[in-house]
Amino acid sequence: MFSFPKEDRLLRRADFLRLSAAARKLHTPSFLILVAPPAGDRGRIGITVSRKVGTAVIRNRIKRLVREYYRHHKGSFVSLDVNVIARRGAEKLDYRLVCLELDRAVERLADIRC
């Protein structure tokens, strides 16, 4: 129910490049969210956290928080490929604040369906 299987993940470089070229962008204070129609029959999510954000421990923590959000809100991403890119400042967020930011973005996402 709340799993994160491989079929739900963007894994290949080509998928990330397609998404960055053809995507609509949503900006939040700590995240940039790229959204495009799915290449296959279902939407997938990718999570990108560059080294500029912090050490490996911090980057992995941010990815865990975003994955957890995705697991609980999977229905909002059914028909979209999404890449969530963390910006500087994301390292200061706890799960509650990640949820608030991504909830606002998902609300705006409903308005710009691709």
Protein backbone atom coordinates (compact mmCIF):
# COMPACT_ATOMS: atom_id res chain seq x y z
CA MET A 1 0.00 0.00 0.00
CA PHE A 2 2.64 2.56 0.99
CA SER A 3 5.52 0.99 -0.90
CA PHE A 4 7.88 2.64 -3.36
CA PRO A 5 8.49 0.01 -6.08
CA LYS A 6 10.85 0.43 -9.02
CA GLU A 7 7.91 0.96 -11.38
CA ASP A 8 7.11 4.20 -9.52
CA ARG A 9 10.63 5.64 -9.85
CA LEU A 10 12.37 7.56 -12.59
CA LEU A 11 15.64 5.66 -12.94
CA ARG A 12 17.25 6.34 -16.31
CA ARG A 13 19.15 9.46 -17.30
CA ALA A 14 17.07 9.69 -20.48
CA ASP A 15 13.91 9.98 -18.39
CA PHE A 16 15.36 12.82 -16.33
CA LEU A 17 16.56 14.62 -19.50
CA ARG A 18 13.13 14.25 -21.15
CA LEU A 19 11.51 15.60 -18.03
CA SER A 20 13.82 18.61 -17.76
CA ALA A 21 13.33 19.46 -21.45
CA ALA A 22 9.55 19.12 -21.67
CA ALA A 23 8.40 19.81 -18.15
CA ARG A 24 6.41 22.52 -16.51
CA LYS A 25 8.09 23.92 -13.43
CA LEU A 26 6.72 24.60 -9.99
CA HIS A 27 8.80 26.56 -7.52
CA THR A 28 8.62 26.34 -3.75
CA PRO A 29 11.10 27.88 -1.32
CA SER A 30 13.01 24.60 -0.92
CA PHE A 31 12.11 22.58 -4.02
CA LEU A 32 11.89 22.87 -7.79
CA ILE A 33 9.32 20.43 -9.16
CA LEU A 34 9.37 19.40 -12.82
CA VAL A 35 6.14 17.90 -14.16
CA ALA A 36 5.41 16.26 -17.52
CA PRO A 37 3.01 13.68 -18.95
CA PRO A 38 4.25 10.14 -18.30
CA ALA A 39 6.28 8.31 -20.94
CA GLY A 40 4.52 5.03 -20.10
CA ASP A 41 1.16 4.08 -18.74
CA ARG A 42 1.75 5.34 -15.19
CA GLY A 43 3.34 8.31 -13.51
CA ARG A 44 6.71 8.08 -11.80
CA ILE A 45 8.77 10.23 -9.46
CA GLY A 46 12.44 11.12 -9.32
CA ILE A 47 14.19 12.84 -6.44
CA THR A 48 17.32 14.91 -7.06
CA VAL A 49 19.47 16.40 -4.32
CA SER A 50 22.78 17.91 -5.41
CA ARG A 51 25.94 18.09 -3.33
CA LYS A 52 25.40 21.83 -2.93
CA VAL A 53 22.59 21.04 -0.49
CA GLY A 54 24.78 19.25 2.05
CA THR A 55 26.61 16.13 3.06
CA ALA A 56 25.48 12.64 2.07
CA VAL A 57 23.66 12.21 5.38
CA ILE A 58 21.65 15.39 4.78
CA ARG A 59 20.94 14.55 1.12
CA ASN A 60 19.73 11.06 2.01
CA ARG A 61 17.50 12.46 4.76
CA ILE A 62 15.85 14.86 2.30
CA LYS A 63 15.28 12.01 -0.15
CA ARG A 64 13.73 9.88 2.60
CA LEU A 65 11.36 12.70 3.56
CA VAL A 66 10.25 13.26 -0.05
CA ARG A 67 9.81 9.49 -0.60
CA GLU A 68 7.69 9.28 2.53
CA TYR A 69 5.54 12.17 1.30
CA TYR A 70 5.13 10.42 -2.06
CA ARG A 71 4.13 7.14 -0.43
CA HIS A 72 1.33 8.84 1.49
CA HIS A 73 0.15 11.01 -1.43
CA LYS A 74 0.65 8.64 -4.36
CA GLY A 75 -2.82 9.36 -5.74
CA SER A 76 -1.86 12.96 -6.53
CA PHE A 77 0.89 11.80 -8.91
CA VAL A 78 -0.94 9.05 -10.82
CA SER A 79 -0.86 10.53 -14.31
CA LEU A 80 2.38 12.53 -14.16
CA ASP A 81 6.13 12.08 -14.28
CA VAL A 82 7.58 14.29 -11.54
CA ASN A 83 11.13 15.21 -10.56
CA VAL A 84 11.49 16.87 -7.16
CA ILE A 85 14.77 18.81 -7.00
CA ALA A 86 15.88 19.98 -3.57
CA ARG A 87 17.34 23.47 -3.24
CA ARG A 88 19.55 24.91 -0.58
CA GLY A 89 17.48 25.38 2.53
CA ALA A 90 15.75 22.01 2.19
CA GLU A 91 18.15 20.58 4.75
CA LYS A 92 16.44 22.65 7.46
CA LEU A 93 13.01 21.14 6.86
CA ASP A 94 11.42 18.43 8.95
CA TYR A 95 8.71 16.11 7.64
CA ARG A 96 5.89 18.47 8.59
CA LEU A 97 7.43 21.37 6.64
CA VAL A 98 8.21 19.15 3.64
CA CYS A 99 4.54 18.13 3.64
CA LEU A 100 3.37 21.75 3.79
CA GLU A 101 5.57 22.81 0.86
CA LEU A 102 4.76 19.81 -1.28
CA ASP A 103 1.03 20.04 -0.45
CA ARG A 104 0.99 23.60 -1.79
CA ALA A 105 2.81 22.45 -4.92
CA VAL A 106 0.39 19.55 -5.46
CA GLU A 107 -2.55 21.95 -5.17
CA ARG A 108 -1.01 24.07 -7.93
CA LEU A 109 -0.29 20.88 -9.87
CA ALA A 110 -4.01 20.22 -10.16
CA ASP A 111 -4.37 23.55 -11.99
CA ILE A 112 -1.66 22.88 -14.59
CA ARG A 113 -2.38 19.30 -15.61
CA CYS A 114 -0.22 18.70 -18.69
